[in-house]
Amino acid sequence: MARLEYRLLDEANGFPLLFYYDHIDKDEVSLRFACDYLVKGHVVYEKTSCAIEPNCYVIYVKRSTEEQAVDYFHHAAKRWGSIQIELRHYQEETADYPLVHTYYFKDDDNALLYLQSDYLLLDGMEWEKTSAEVDEDRHVYIYYAQPTA
């Protein structure tokens, strides 16, 4: 087990610690490293970089000035023991991204492959990733994408 820290990208103040997780599984660290955004406490943070230090993994973030946390009232029900990734249709000039599909994974490695993928094929339609997010408020990963055709 490892330690994961989220630090604010603020060199003048010594990169203040925002959040930390002791005894976190390295697979979950990998999933979080693959995400561009973190939603926590209804605040959106944008990842700027990741680092590996002795006995610690670090994700540097800044508070997003362009993105806002969205309250999704219609989302898939939680399934015990699974990792969820929502495929959401990203559209410019809007803050509401419709849910296209929810994937459920029992295996961290398969979920990580989906988050790292640039394209997903669902029901014959190809989706191109625009970003990925871990939403701690809702306990879900989100894959934002646009149809390629």
C-alpha atoms as a PDB file:
ATOM      1  CA  MET A   1       0.000   0.000   0.000  1.00  0.00           C
ATOM      2  CA  ALA A   2       1.108   3.503  -0.778  1.00  0.00           C
ATOM      3  CA  ARG A   3       0.365   7.127   0.050  1.00  0.00           C
ATOM      4  CA  LEU A   4      -1.206   9.507  -2.458  1.00  0.00           C
ATOM      5  CA  GLU A   5      -1.171  13.264  -2.000  1.00  0.00           C
ATOM      6  CA  TYR A   6      -2.947  16.000  -3.906  1.00  0.00           C
ATOM      7  CA  ARG A   7      -0.935  19.215  -3.676  1.00  0.00           C
ATOM      8  CA  LEU A   8      -1.821  22.688  -4.856  1.00  0.00           C
ATOM      9  CA  LEU A   9       0.438  23.943  -7.637  1.00  0.00           C
ATOM     10  CA  ASP A  10       1.654  26.939  -5.643  1.00  0.00           C
ATOM     11  CA  GLU A  11       5.440  27.039  -5.459  1.00  0.00           C
ATOM     12  CA  ALA A  12       5.506  30.318  -3.506  1.00  0.00           C
ATOM     13  CA  ASN A  13       3.677  28.604  -0.620  1.00  0.00           C
ATOM     14  CA  GLY A  14       5.567  25.312  -0.790  1.00  0.00           C
ATOM     15  CA  PHE A  15       2.940  23.300  -2.716  1.00  0.00           C
ATOM     16  CA  PRO A  16       0.357  23.047   0.089  1.00  0.00           C
ATOM     17  CA  LEU A  17      -1.143  19.625   0.770  1.00  0.00           C
ATOM     18  CA  LEU A  18      -4.851  19.576  -0.104  1.00  0.00           C
ATOM     19  CA  PHE A  19      -5.792  15.913   0.355  1.00  0.00           C
ATOM     20  CA  TYR A  20      -4.021  12.685   1.166  1.00  0.00           C
ATOM     21  CA  TYR A  21      -4.815   8.992   1.186  1.00  0.00           C
ATOM     22  CA  ASP A  22      -2.757   6.590   3.263  1.00  0.00           C
ATOM     23  CA  HIS A  23      -2.678   2.900   2.399  1.00  0.00           C
ATOM     24  CA  ILE A  24      -4.081   3.441  -1.084  1.00  0.00           C
ATOM     25  CA  ASP A  25      -3.775   0.655  -3.633  1.00  0.00           C
ATOM     26  CA  LYS A  26      -1.304   1.362  -6.459  1.00  0.00           C
ATOM     27  CA  ASP A  27      -3.987   0.437  -9.003  1.00  0.00           C
ATOM     28  CA  GLU A  28      -6.165   3.259  -7.704  1.00  0.00           C
ATOM     29  CA  VAL A  29      -3.187   5.613  -7.873  1.00  0.00           C
ATOM     30  CA  SER A  30      -2.792   4.613 -11.531  1.00  0.00           C
ATOM     31  CA  LEU A  31      -6.481   5.307 -12.195  1.00  0.00           C
ATOM     32  CA  ARG A  32      -6.146   8.754 -10.639  1.00  0.00           C
ATOM     33  CA  PHE A  33      -2.918   9.495 -12.534  1.00  0.00           C
ATOM     34  CA  ALA A  34      -4.921   8.842 -15.737  1.00  0.00           C
ATOM     35  CA  CYS A  35      -7.485  11.536 -14.858  1.00  0.00           C
ATOM     36  CA  ASP A  36      -7.298  15.171 -15.925  1.00  0.00           C
ATOM     37  CA  TYR A  37      -9.665  16.431 -13.232  1.00  0.00           C
ATOM     38  CA  LEU A  38     -10.648  15.752  -9.617  1.00  0.00           C
ATOM     39  CA  VAL A  39     -14.025  16.723  -8.176  1.00  0.00           C
ATOM     40  CA  LYS A  40     -14.051  16.849  -4.401  1.00  0.00           C
ATOM     41  CA  GLY A  41     -16.283  18.872  -2.111  1.00  0.00           C
ATOM     42  CA  HIS A  42     -18.095  20.265  -5.153  1.00  0.00           C
ATOM     43  CA  VAL A  43     -14.843  21.891  -6.350  1.00  0.00           C
ATOM     44  CA  VAL A  44     -13.134  20.989  -9.643  1.00  0.00           C
ATOM     45  CA  TYR A  45      -9.352  20.681  -9.634  1.00  0.00           C
ATOM     46  CA  GLU A  46      -7.303  20.357 -12.818  1.00  0.00           C
ATOM     47  CA  LYS A  47      -4.275  18.066 -12.798  1.00  0.00           C
ATOM     48  CA  THR A  48      -1.082  19.822 -13.830  1.00  0.00           C
ATOM     49  CA  SER A  49       1.368  16.966 -13.267  1.00  0.00           C
ATOM     50  CA  CYS A  50       2.122  13.777 -11.362  1.00  0.00           C
ATOM     51  CA  ALA A  51       5.246  12.784  -9.450  1.00  0.00           C
ATOM     52  CA  ILE A  52       6.716   9.822  -7.652  1.00  0.00           C
ATOM     53  CA  GLU A  53       8.598  10.522  -4.451  1.00  0.00           C
ATOM     54  CA  PRO A  54      10.018   8.070  -1.929  1.00  0.00           C
ATOM     55  CA  ASN A  55       7.034   6.363  -0.274  1.00  0.00           C
ATOM     56  CA  CYS A  56       4.561   8.775  -1.885  1.00  0.00           C
ATOM     57  CA  TYR A  57       2.732   9.475  -5.145  1.00  0.00           C
ATOM     58  CA  VAL A  58       1.801  13.096  -5.819  1.00  0.00           C
ATOM     59  CA  ILE A  59      -0.750  14.752  -8.078  1.00  0.00           C
ATOM     60  CA  TYR A  60      -0.325  18.498  -8.470  1.00  0.00           C
ATOM     61  CA  VAL A  61      -3.535  20.385  -9.142  1.00  0.00           C
ATOM     62  CA  LYS A  62      -4.909  23.865  -9.553  1.00  0.00           C
ATOM     63  CA  ARG A  63      -8.459  24.961  -8.977  1.00  0.00           C
ATOM     64  CA  SER A  64     -10.206  24.998 -12.341  1.00  0.00           C
ATOM     65  CA  THR A  65     -11.375  28.398 -13.501  1.00  0.00           C
ATOM     66  CA  GLU A  66     -13.189  26.955 -16.519  1.00  0.00           C
ATOM     67  CA  GLU A  67     -14.994  23.926 -15.093  1.00  0.00           C
ATOM     68  CA  GLN A  68     -17.725  23.677 -12.482  1.00  0.00           C
ATOM     69  CA  ALA A  69     -18.920  20.656 -10.537  1.00  0.00           C
ATOM     70  CA  VAL A  70     -22.194  19.372 -11.934  1.00  0.00           C
ATOM     71  CA  ASP A  71     -24.905  17.717  -9.866  1.00  0.00           C
ATOM     72  CA  TYR A  72     -26.021  14.776 -11.960  1.00  0.00           C
ATOM     73  CA  PHE A  73     -29.383  13.591 -10.722  1.00  0.00           C
ATOM     74  CA  HIS A  74     -29.717  10.837 -13.307  1.00  0.00           C
ATOM     75  CA  HIS A  75     -26.802   8.505 -12.983  1.00  0.00           C
ATOM     76  CA  ALA A  76     -26.424   4.765 -12.738  1.00  0.00           C
ATOM     77  CA  ALA A  77     -26.956   3.099  -9.387  1.00  0.00           C
ATOM     78  CA  LYS A  78     -23.888   1.995  -7.478  1.00  0.00           C
ATOM     79  CA  ARG A  79     -22.944  -1.646  -7.721  1.00  0.00           C
ATOM     80  CA  TRP A  80     -21.103  -3.080  -4.775  1.00  0.00           C
ATOM     81  CA  GLY A  81     -17.534  -4.123  -5.484  1.00  0.00           C
ATOM     82  CA  SER A  82     -17.206  -2.462  -8.877  1.00  0.00           C
ATOM     83  CA  ILE A  83     -15.448   0.489 -10.450  1.00  0.00           C
ATOM     84  CA  GLN A  84     -17.737   2.693 -12.500  1.00  0.00           C
ATOM     85  CA  ILE A  85     -16.784   4.772 -15.506  1.00  0.00           C
ATOM     86  CA  GLU A  86     -19.444   6.982 -17.001  1.00  0.00           C
ATOM     87  CA  LEU A  87     -19.156   7.804 -20.688  1.00  0.00           C
ATOM     88  CA  ARG A  88     -20.527  11.329 -21.025  1.00  0.00           C
ATOM     89  CA  HIS A  89     -21.097  13.281 -24.219  1.00  0.00           C
ATOM     90  CA  TYR A  90     -18.841  16.338 -24.089  1.00  0.00           C
ATOM     91  CA  GLN A  91     -20.272  19.397 -25.804  1.00  0.00           C
ATOM     92  CA  GLU A  92     -18.729  22.869 -26.058  1.00  0.00           C
ATOM     93  CA  GLU A  93     -20.493  25.800 -24.415  1.00  0.00           C
ATOM     94  CA  THR A  94     -22.436  23.711 -21.907  1.00  0.00           C
ATOM     95  CA  ALA A  95     -21.925  22.412 -18.392  1.00  0.00           C
ATOM     96  CA  ASP A  96     -24.318  19.474 -18.645  1.00  0.00           C
ATOM     97  CA  TYR A  97     -22.861  16.412 -20.328  1.00  0.00           C
ATOM     98  CA  PRO A  98     -25.463  13.707 -21.070  1.00  0.00           C
ATOM     99  CA  LEU A  99     -24.790  10.192 -19.816  1.00  0.00           C
ATOM    100  CA  VAL A 100     -24.250   7.816 -22.752  1.00  0.00           C
ATOM    101  CA  HIS A 101     -23.298   4.631 -20.913  1.00  0.00           C
ATOM    102  CA  THR A 102     -21.929   3.380 -17.597  1.00  0.00           C
ATOM    103  CA  TYR A 103     -19.223   0.722 -17.578  1.00  0.00           C
ATOM    104  CA  TYR A 104     -18.748  -1.504 -14.528  1.00  0.00           C
ATOM    105  CA  PHE A 105     -15.419  -3.186 -13.822  1.00  0.00           C
ATOM    106  CA  LYS A 106     -14.420  -5.718 -11.201  1.00  0.00           C
ATOM    107  CA  ASP A 107     -10.789  -5.351 -12.266  1.00  0.00           C
ATOM    108  CA  ASP A 108      -8.748  -2.140 -11.828  1.00  0.00           C
ATOM    109  CA  ASP A 109      -6.548  -2.996 -14.819  1.00  0.00           C
ATOM    110  CA  ASN A 110      -9.463  -3.095 -17.262  1.00  0.00           C
ATOM    111  CA  ALA A 111     -10.853   0.177 -15.900  1.00  0.00           C
ATOM    112  CA  LEU A 112      -7.428   1.783 -16.301  1.00  0.00           C
ATOM    113  CA  LEU A 113      -7.229   0.668 -19.931  1.00  0.00           C
ATOM    114  CA  TYR A 114     -10.560   2.377 -20.624  1.00  0.00           C
ATOM    115  CA  LEU A 115      -9.482   5.613 -18.915  1.00  0.00           C
ATOM    116  CA  GLN A 116      -6.212   5.661 -20.866  1.00  0.00           C
ATOM    117  CA  SER A 117      -7.845   4.919 -24.199  1.00  0.00           C
ATOM    118  CA  ASP A 118      -8.232   7.767 -26.683  1.00  0.00           C
ATOM    119  CA  TYR A 119     -11.221   6.096 -28.365  1.00  0.00           C
ATOM    120  CA  LEU A 120     -14.087   3.873 -27.233  1.00  0.00           C
ATOM    121  CA  LEU A 121     -16.478   1.978 -29.484  1.00  0.00           C
ATOM    122  CA  LEU A 122     -20.032   1.631 -28.173  1.00  0.00           C
ATOM    123  CA  ASP A 123     -22.938   0.226 -30.192  1.00  0.00           C
ATOM    124  CA  GLY A 124     -21.104   0.843 -33.457  1.00  0.00           C
ATOM    125  CA  MET A 125     -20.314   4.475 -32.605  1.00  0.00           C
ATOM    126  CA  GLU A 126     -16.764   5.660 -31.997  1.00  0.00           C
ATOM    127  CA  TRP A 127     -16.169   8.168 -29.170  1.00  0.00           C
ATOM    128  CA  GLU A 128     -13.023  10.307 -28.900  1.00  0.00           C
ATOM    129  CA  LYS A 129     -11.898  11.248 -25.398  1.00  0.00           C
ATOM    130  CA  THR A 130     -11.655  14.910 -24.466  1.00  0.00           C
ATOM    131  CA  SER A 131     -10.760  14.333 -20.790  1.00  0.00           C
ATOM    132  CA  ALA A 132     -11.152  12.015 -17.815  1.00  0.00           C
ATOM    133  CA  GLU A 133     -12.168  12.801 -14.263  1.00  0.00           C
ATOM    134  CA  VAL A 134     -12.426  11.199 -10.854  1.00  0.00           C
ATOM    135  CA  ASP A 135     -15.543  12.455  -9.079  1.00  0.00           C
ATOM    136  CA  GLU A 136     -15.074  11.662  -5.411  1.00  0.00           C
ATOM    137  CA  ASP A 137     -18.388  13.247  -4.509  1.00  0.00           C
ATOM    138  CA  ARG A 138     -20.211  10.584  -6.540  1.00  0.00           C
ATOM    139  CA  HIS A 139     -17.590   7.776  -6.355  1.00  0.00           C
ATOM    140  CA  VAL A 140     -17.268   7.451 -10.129  1.00  0.00           C
ATOM    141  CA  TYR A 141     -14.765   8.010 -12.912  1.00  0.00           C
ATOM    142  CA  ILE A 142     -15.949   9.965 -15.937  1.00  0.00           C
ATOM    143  CA  TYR A 143     -14.770   9.623 -19.531  1.00  0.00           C
ATOM    144  CA  TYR A 144     -15.797  12.724 -21.480  1.00  0.00           C
ATOM    145  CA  ALA A 145     -15.935  12.162 -25.235  1.00  0.00           C
ATOM    146  CA  GLN A 146     -17.388  13.297 -28.534  1.00  0.00           C
ATOM    147  CA  PRO A 147     -18.635  11.111 -31.368  1.00  0.00           C
ATOM    148  CA  THR A 148     -16.118  10.970 -34.215  1.00  0.00           C
ATOM    149  CA  ALA A 149     -18.770  10.993 -36.950  1.00  0.00           C
END
